[in-house]
Amino acid sequence: GQGTESDIDLLLDVAGNIEGRSFCALGDAAAT
């Protein structure tokens, strides 16, 4: 309950920078 207003978009941004860019599918597994 301590998140900021920008945290949700930040989550999507971080997940988007993992998905399809990691060495194997573990990164995608975390992002999806």
PDB file of all heavy atoms in Angstrom:
ATOM      1  N   GLY A   1       0.802  -1.213   0.000  1.00  0.00           N
ATOM      2  CA  GLY A   1       0.000   0.000   0.000  1.00  0.00           C
ATOM      3  C   GLY A   1       0.833   1.260   0.000  1.00  0.00           C
ATOM      4  O   GLY A   1       0.353   2.329   0.392  1.00  0.00           O
ATOM      5  N   GLN A   2       2.068   1.170  -0.472  1.00  0.00           N
ATOM      6  CA  GLN A   2       2.990   2.305  -0.439  1.00  0.00           C
ATOM      7  C   GLN A   2       3.448   2.703  -1.843  1.00  0.00           C
ATOM      8  O   GLN A   2       4.481   3.337  -2.022  1.00  0.00           O
ATOM      9  CB  GLN A   2       4.207   1.960   0.428  1.00  0.00           C
ATOM     10  CG  GLN A   2       3.852   1.644   1.876  1.00  0.00           C
ATOM     11  CD  GLN A   2       5.024   1.100   2.668  1.00  0.00           C
ATOM     12  OE1 GLN A   2       6.104   0.892   2.130  1.00  0.00           O
ATOM     13  NE2 GLN A   2       4.805   0.879   3.958  1.00  0.00           N
ATOM     14  N   GLY A   3       2.683   2.303  -2.848  1.00  0.00           N
ATOM     15  CA  GLY A   3       3.066   2.614  -4.217  1.00  0.00           C
ATOM     16  C   GLY A   3       2.814   4.056  -4.574  1.00  0.00           C
ATOM     17  O   GLY A   3       2.101   4.788  -3.872  1.00  0.00           O
ATOM     18  N   THR A   4       3.415   4.487  -5.666  1.00  0.00           N
ATOM     19  CA  THR A   4       3.208   5.842  -6.183  1.00  0.00           C
ATOM     20  C   THR A   4       2.347   5.765  -7.433  1.00  0.00           C
ATOM     21  O   THR A   4       2.146   4.696  -8.020  1.00  0.00           O
ATOM     22  CB  THR A   4       4.560   6.499  -6.521  1.00  0.00           C
ATOM     23  OG1 THR A   4       5.182   5.775  -7.597  1.00  0.00           O
ATOM     24  CG2 THR A   4       5.490   6.479  -5.303  1.00  0.00           C
ATOM     25  N   GLU A   5       1.845   6.913  -7.859  1.00  0.00           N
ATOM     26  CA  GLU A   5       0.942   6.952  -8.995  1.00  0.00           C
ATOM     27  C   GLU A   5       1.602   6.452 -10.283  1.00  0.00           C
ATOM     28  O   GLU A   5       0.925   5.986 -11.200  1.00  0.00           O
ATOM     29  CB  GLU A   5       0.427   8.385  -9.211  1.00  0.00           C
ATOM     30  CG  GLU A   5      -0.403   8.924  -8.046  1.00  0.00           C
ATOM     31  CD  GLU A   5      -1.664   8.106  -7.794  1.00  0.00           C
ATOM     32  OE1 GLU A   5      -2.226   7.573  -8.772  1.00  0.00           O
ATOM     33  OE2 GLU A   5      -2.089   8.004  -6.624  1.00  0.00           O
ATOM     34  N   SER A   6       2.913   6.550 -10.357  1.00  0.00           N
ATOM     35  CA  SER A   6       3.614   6.143 -11.579  1.00  0.00           C
ATOM     36  C   SER A   6       4.045   4.684 -11.564  1.00  0.00           C
ATOM     37  O   SER A   6       4.587   4.191 -12.564  1.00  0.00           O
ATOM     38  CB  SER A   6       4.848   7.032 -11.782  1.00  0.00           C
ATOM     39  OG  SER A   6       5.767   6.855 -10.706  1.00  0.00           O
ATOM     40  N   ASP A   7       3.806   3.967 -10.464  1.00  0.00           N
ATOM     41  CA  ASP A   7       4.342   2.614 -10.325  1.00  0.00           C
ATOM     42  C   ASP A   7       3.742   1.613 -11.318  1.00  0.00           C
ATOM     43  O   ASP A   7       4.440   0.710 -11.785  1.00  0.00           O
ATOM     44  CB  ASP A   7       4.132   2.100  -8.893  1.00  0.00           C
ATOM     45  CG  ASP A   7       5.271   2.507  -7.966  1.00  0.00           C
ATOM     46  OD1 ASP A   7       6.303   2.976  -8.488  1.00  0.00           O
ATOM     47  OD2 ASP A   7       5.125   2.349  -6.747  1.00  0.00           O
ATOM     48  N   ILE A   8       2.464   1.768 -11.618  1.00  0.00           N
ATOM     49  CA  ILE A   8       1.843   0.799 -12.528  1.00  0.00           C
ATOM     50  C   ILE A   8       2.437   0.919 -13.919  1.00  0.00           C
ATOM     51  O   ILE A   8       2.793  -0.083 -14.558  1.00  0.00           O
ATOM     52  CB  ILE A   8       0.318   0.992 -12.561  1.00  0.00           C
ATOM     53  CG1 ILE A   8      -0.274   0.734 -11.164  1.00  0.00           C
ATOM     54  CG2 ILE A   8      -0.322   0.049 -13.585  1.00  0.00           C
ATOM     55  CD1 ILE A   8      -1.752   1.010 -11.052  1.00  0.00           C
ATOM     56  N   ASP A   9       2.578   2.154 -14.399  1.00  0.00           N
ATOM     57  CA  ASP A   9       3.199   2.347 -15.706  1.00  0.00           C
ATOM     58  C   ASP A   9       4.666   1.946 -15.682  1.00  0.00           C
ATOM     59  O   ASP A   9       5.198   1.444 -16.683  1.00  0.00           O
ATOM     60  CB  ASP A   9       3.061   3.804 -16.142  1.00  0.00           C
ATOM     61  CG  ASP A   9       1.622   4.165 -16.501  1.00  0.00           C
ATOM     62  OD1 ASP A   9       0.868   3.254 -16.909  1.00  0.00           O
ATOM     63  OD2 ASP A   9       1.249   5.342 -16.342  1.00  0.00           O
ATOM     64  N   LEU A  10       5.306   2.133 -14.540  1.00  0.00           N
ATOM     65  CA  LEU A  10       6.710   1.713 -14.406  1.00  0.00           C
ATOM     66  C   LEU A  10       6.816   0.192 -14.492  1.00  0.00           C
ATOM     67  O   LEU A  10       7.749  -0.333 -15.113  1.00  0.00           O
ATOM     68  CB  LEU A  10       7.286   2.219 -13.078  1.00  0.00           C
ATOM     69  CG  LEU A  10       8.775   1.913 -12.807  1.00  0.00           C
ATOM     70  CD1 LEU A  10       9.651   2.474 -13.924  1.00  0.00           C
ATOM     71  CD2 LEU A  10       9.190   2.491 -11.455  1.00  0.00           C
ATOM     72  N   LEU A  11       5.863  -0.514 -13.884  1.00  0.00           N
ATOM     73  CA  LEU A  11       5.842  -1.982 -13.985  1.00  0.00           C
ATOM     74  C   LEU A  11       5.756  -2.419 -15.440  1.00  0.00           C
ATOM     75  O   LEU A  11       6.487  -3.307 -15.885  1.00  0.00           O
ATOM     76  CB  LEU A  11       4.643  -2.553 -13.214  1.00  0.00           C
ATOM     77  CG  LEU A  11       4.788  -2.811 -11.721  1.00  0.00           C
ATOM     78  CD1 LEU A  11       3.446  -3.285 -11.149  1.00  0.00           C
ATOM     79  CD2 LEU A  11       5.866  -3.841 -11.440  1.00  0.00           C
ATOM     80  N   LEU A  12       4.845  -1.784 -16.176  1.00  0.00           N
ATOM     81  CA  LEU A  12       4.682  -2.137 -17.586  1.00  0.00           C
ATOM     82  C   LEU A  12       5.939  -1.814 -18.391  1.00  0.00           C
ATOM     83  O   LEU A  12       6.333  -2.569 -19.295  1.00  0.00           O
ATOM     84  CB  LEU A  12       3.480  -1.396 -18.174  1.00  0.00           C
ATOM     85  CG  LEU A  12       2.102  -1.818 -17.656  1.00  0.00           C
ATOM     86  CD1 LEU A  12       1.018  -0.872 -18.168  1.00  0.00           C
ATOM     87  CD2 LEU A  12       1.790  -3.248 -18.062  1.00  0.00           C
ATOM     88  N   ASP A  13       6.586  -0.712 -18.046  1.00  0.00           N
ATOM     89  CA  ASP A  13       7.803  -0.322 -18.756  1.00  0.00           C
ATOM     90  C   ASP A  13       8.932  -1.321 -18.490  1.00  0.00           C
ATOM     91  O   ASP A  13       9.625  -1.760 -19.429  1.00  0.00           O
ATOM     92  CB  ASP A  13       8.222   1.078 -18.312  1.00  0.00           C
ATOM     93  CG  ASP A  13       9.450   1.573 -19.066  1.00  0.00           C
ATOM     94  OD1 ASP A  13       9.377   1.682 -20.301  1.00  0.00           O
ATOM     95  OD2 ASP A  13      10.482   1.822 -18.419  1.00  0.00           O
ATOM     96  N   VAL A  14       9.100  -1.699 -17.230  1.00  0.00           N
ATOM     97  CA  VAL A  14      10.154  -2.657 -16.882  1.00  0.00           C
ATOM     98  C   VAL A  14       9.862  -4.013 -17.524  1.00  0.00           C
ATOM     99  O   VAL A  14      10.752  -4.647 -18.113  1.00  0.00           O
ATOM    100  CB  VAL A  14      10.286  -2.804 -15.349  1.00  0.00           C
ATOM    101  CG1 VAL A  14      11.267  -3.922 -14.997  1.00  0.00           C
ATOM    102  CG2 VAL A  14      10.746  -1.489 -14.728  1.00  0.00           C
ATOM    103  N   ALA A  15       8.609  -4.473 -17.424  1.00  0.00           N
ATOM    104  CA  ALA A  15       8.245  -5.764 -18.022  1.00  0.00           C
ATOM    105  C   ALA A  15       8.472  -5.733 -19.532  1.00  0.00           C
ATOM    106  O   ALA A  15       8.953  -6.709 -20.122  1.00  0.00           O
ATOM    107  CB  ALA A  15       6.787  -6.101 -17.711  1.00  0.00           C
ATOM    108  N   GLY A  16       8.163  -4.613 -20.170  1.00  0.00           N
ATOM    109  CA  GLY A  16       8.361  -4.493 -21.604  1.00  0.00           C
ATOM    110  C   GLY A  16       9.816  -4.514 -22.005  1.00  0.00           C
ATOM    111  O   GLY A  16      10.164  -4.944 -23.107  1.00  0.00           O
ATOM    112  N   ASN A  17      10.685  -4.050 -21.117  1.00  0.00           N
ATOM    113  CA  ASN A  17      12.118  -4.059 -21.396  1.00  0.00           C
ATOM    114  C   ASN A  17      12.769  -5.399 -21.080  1.00  0.00           C
ATOM    115  O   ASN A  17      13.928  -5.617 -21.441  1.00  0.00           O
ATOM    116  CB  ASN A  17      12.815  -2.947 -20.617  1.00  0.00           C
ATOM    117  CG  ASN A  17      12.706  -1.605 -21.307  1.00  0.00           C
ATOM    118  OD1 ASN A  17      13.330  -1.369 -22.331  1.00  0.00           O
ATOM    119  ND2 ASN A  17      11.859  -0.732 -20.772  1.00  0.00           N
ATOM    120  N   ILE A  18      12.040  -6.276 -20.406  1.00  0.00           N
ATOM    121  CA  ILE A  18      12.532  -7.644 -20.180  1.00  0.00           C
ATOM    122  C   ILE A  18      12.073  -8.558 -21.307  1.00  0.00           C
ATOM    123  O   ILE A  18      12.864  -9.300 -21.895  1.00  0.00           O
ATOM    124  CB  ILE A  18      12.012  -8.204 -18.839  1.00  0.00           C
ATOM    125  CG1 ILE A  18      12.505  -7.367 -17.660  1.00  0.00           C
ATOM    126  CG2 ILE A  18      12.452  -9.661 -18.668  1.00  0.00           C
ATOM    127  CD1 ILE A  18      11.884  -7.779 -16.335  1.00  0.00           C
ATOM    128  N   GLU A  19      10.781  -8.475 -21.618  1.00  0.00           N
ATOM    129  CA  GLU A  19      10.168  -9.398 -22.579  1.00  0.00           C
ATOM    130  C   GLU A  19      10.815  -9.269 -23.952  1.00  0.00           C
ATOM    131  O   GLU A  19      10.913  -8.178 -24.523  1.00  0.00           O
ATOM    132  CB  GLU A  19       8.670  -9.121 -22.673  1.00  0.00           C
ATOM    133  CG  GLU A  19       7.910 -10.179 -23.442  1.00  0.00           C
ATOM    134  CD  GLU A  19       6.414  -9.943 -23.389  1.00  0.00           C
ATOM    135  OE1 GLU A  19       5.984  -8.812 -23.075  1.00  0.00           O
ATOM    136  OE2 GLU A  19       5.670 -10.895 -23.680  1.00  0.00           O
ATOM    137  N   GLY A  20      11.286 -10.403 -24.478  1.00  0.00           N
ATOM    138  CA  GLY A  20      11.894 -10.413 -25.800  1.00  0.00           C
ATOM    139  C   GLY A  20      13.321  -9.929 -25.843  1.00  0.00           C
ATOM    140  O   GLY A  20      13.942  -9.920 -26.912  1.00  0.00           O
ATOM    141  N   ARG A  21      13.865  -9.536 -24.690  1.00  0.00           N
ATOM    142  CA  ARG A  21      15.233  -9.008 -24.662  1.00  0.00           C
ATOM    143  C   ARG A  21      16.166  -9.824 -23.776  1.00  0.00           C
ATOM    144  O   ARG A  21      17.363  -9.544 -23.723  1.00  0.00           O
ATOM    145  CB  ARG A  21      15.233  -7.559 -24.184  1.00  0.00           C
ATOM    146  CG  ARG A  21      14.558  -6.584 -25.152  1.00  0.00           C
ATOM    147  CD  ARG A  21      14.508  -5.178 -24.567  1.00  0.00           C
ATOM    148  NE  ARG A  21      14.102  -4.192 -25.558  1.00  0.00           N
ATOM    149  CZ  ARG A  21      12.842  -3.900 -25.874  1.00  0.00           C
ATOM    150  NH1 ARG A  21      11.855  -4.559 -25.252  1.00  0.00           N
ATOM    151  NH2 ARG A  21      12.551  -3.009 -26.776  1.00  0.00           N
ATOM    152  N   SER A  22      15.636 -10.813 -23.078  1.00  0.00           N
ATOM    153  CA  SER A  22      16.479 -11.604 -22.182  1.00  0.00           C
ATOM    154  C   SER A  22      17.116 -12.758 -22.953  1.00  0.00           C
ATOM    155  O   SER A  22      16.677 -13.121 -24.043  1.00  0.00           O
ATOM    156  CB  SER A  22      15.671 -12.138 -20.996  1.00  0.00           C
ATOM    157  OG  SER A  22      14.572 -12.893 -21.432  1.00  0.00           O
ATOM    158  N   PHE A  23      18.157 -13.310 -22.363  1.00  0.00           N
ATOM    159  CA  PHE A  23      18.945 -14.355 -23.032  1.00  0.00           C
ATOM    160  C   PHE A  23      18.136 -15.622 -23.247  1.00  0.00           C
ATOM    161  O   PHE A  23      18.321 -16.336 -24.223  1.00  0.00           O
ATOM    162  CB  PHE A  23      20.191 -14.650 -22.177  1.00  0.00           C
ATOM    163  CG  PHE A  23      21.313 -15.272 -22.956  1.00  0.00           C
ATOM    164  CD1 PHE A  23      22.218 -14.479 -23.641  1.00  0.00           C
ATOM    165  CD2 PHE A  23      21.475 -16.642 -23.016  1.00  0.00           C
ATOM    166  CE1 PHE A  23      23.255 -15.033 -24.363  1.00  0.00           C
ATOM    167  CE2 PHE A  23      22.507 -17.217 -23.739  1.00  0.00           C
ATOM    168  CZ  PHE A  23      23.400 -16.403 -24.421  1.00  0.00           C
ATOM    169  N   CYS A  24      17.238 -15.931 -22.306  1.00  0.00           N
ATOM    170  CA  CYS A  24      16.380 -17.108 -22.444  1.00  0.00           C
ATOM    171  C   CYS A  24      14.965 -16.737 -22.036  1.00  0.00           C
ATOM    172  O   CYS A  24      14.668 -15.570 -21.773  1.00  0.00           O
ATOM    173  CB  CYS A  24      16.917 -18.284 -21.601  1.00  0.00           C
ATOM    174  SG  CYS A  24      16.601 -18.132 -19.827  1.00  0.00           S
ATOM    175  N   ALA A  25      14.103 -17.717 -21.948  1.00  0.00           N
ATOM    176  CA  ALA A  25      12.681 -17.460 -21.726  1.00  0.00           C
ATOM    177  C   ALA A  25      12.326 -17.146 -20.269  1.00  0.00           C
ATOM    178  O   ALA A  25      11.183 -16.809 -19.980  1.00  0.00           O
ATOM    179  CB  ALA A  25      11.853 -18.654 -22.192  1.00  0.00           C
ATOM    180  N   LEU A  26      13.295 -17.227 -19.346  1.00  0.00           N
ATOM    181  CA  LEU A  26      12.970 -16.926 -17.955  1.00  0.00           C
ATOM    182  C   LEU A  26      12.522 -15.477 -17.805  1.00  0.00           C
ATOM    183  O   LEU A  26      11.598 -15.170 -17.052  1.00  0.00           O
ATOM    184  CB  LEU A  26      14.170 -17.210 -17.035  1.00  0.00           C
ATOM    185  CG  LEU A  26      13.883 -17.207 -15.531  1.00  0.00           C
ATOM    186  CD1 LEU A  26      14.834 -18.141 -14.785  1.00  0.00           C
ATOM    187  CD2 LEU A  26      13.974 -15.819 -14.896  1.00  0.00           C
ATOM    188  N   GLY A  27      13.168 -14.583 -18.522  1.00  0.00           N
ATOM    189  CA  GLY A  27      12.767 -13.182 -18.455  1.00  0.00           C
ATOM    190  C   GLY A  27      11.345 -12.980 -18.937  1.00  0.00           C
ATOM    191  O   GLY A  27      10.550 -12.271 -18.304  1.00  0.00           O
ATOM    192  N   ASP A  28      11.008 -13.609 -20.050  1.00  0.00           N
ATOM    193  CA  ASP A  28       9.636 -13.532 -20.559  1.00  0.00           C
ATOM    194  C   ASP A  28       8.651 -14.106 -19.549  1.00  0.00           C
ATOM    195  O   ASP A  28       7.533 -13.602 -19.388  1.00  0.00           O
ATOM    196  CB  ASP A  28       9.507 -14.303 -21.873  1.00  0.00           C
ATOM    197  CG  ASP A  28      10.296 -13.664 -23.006  1.00  0.00           C
ATOM    198  OD1 ASP A  28      10.694 -12.494 -22.854  1.00  0.00           O
ATOM    199  OD2 ASP A  28      10.517 -14.341 -24.024  1.00  0.00           O
ATOM    200  N   ALA A  29       9.058 -15.187 -18.877  1.00  0.00           N
ATOM    201  CA  ALA A  29       8.191 -15.833 -17.890  1.00  0.00           C
ATOM    202  C   ALA A  29       7.851 -14.886 -16.754  1.00  0.00           C
ATOM    203  O   ALA A  29       6.761 -14.962 -16.174  1.00  0.00           O
ATOM    204  CB  ALA A  29       8.871 -17.089 -17.340  1.00  0.00           C
ATOM    205  N   ALA A  30       8.762 -13.994 -16.416  1.00  0.00           N
ATOM    206  CA  ALA A  30       8.512 -13.031 -15.347  1.00  0.00           C
ATOM    207  C   ALA A  30       7.667 -11.860 -15.830  1.00  0.00           C
ATOM    208  O   ALA A  30       6.842 -11.316 -15.081  1.00  0.00           O
ATOM    209  CB  ALA A  30       9.840 -12.527 -14.786  1.00  0.00           C
ATOM    210  N   ALA A  31       7.848 -11.473 -17.073  1.00  0.00           N
ATOM    211  CA  ALA A  31       7.164 -10.282 -17.579  1.00  0.00           C
ATOM    212  C   ALA A  31       5.694 -10.529 -17.906  1.00  0.00           C
ATOM    213  O   ALA A  31       4.840  -9.670 -17.656  1.00  0.00           O
ATOM    214  CB  ALA A  31       7.887  -9.773 -18.832  1.00  0.00           C
ATOM    215  N   THR A  32       5.386 -11.708 -18.457  1.00  0.00           N
ATOM    216  CA  THR A  32       4.023 -11.928 -18.960  1.00  0.00           C
ATOM    217  C   THR A  32       2.940 -11.923 -17.880  1.00  0.00           C
ATOM    218  O   THR A  32       1.871 -11.358 -18.111  1.00  0.00           O
ATOM    219  CB  THR A  32       3.951 -13.229 -19.781  1.00  0.00           C
ATOM    220  OG1 THR A  32       4.510 -14.321 -19.030  1.00  0.00           O
ATOM    221  CG2 THR A  32       4.716 -13.092 -21.076  1.00  0.00           C
TER     222      THR A  32
END
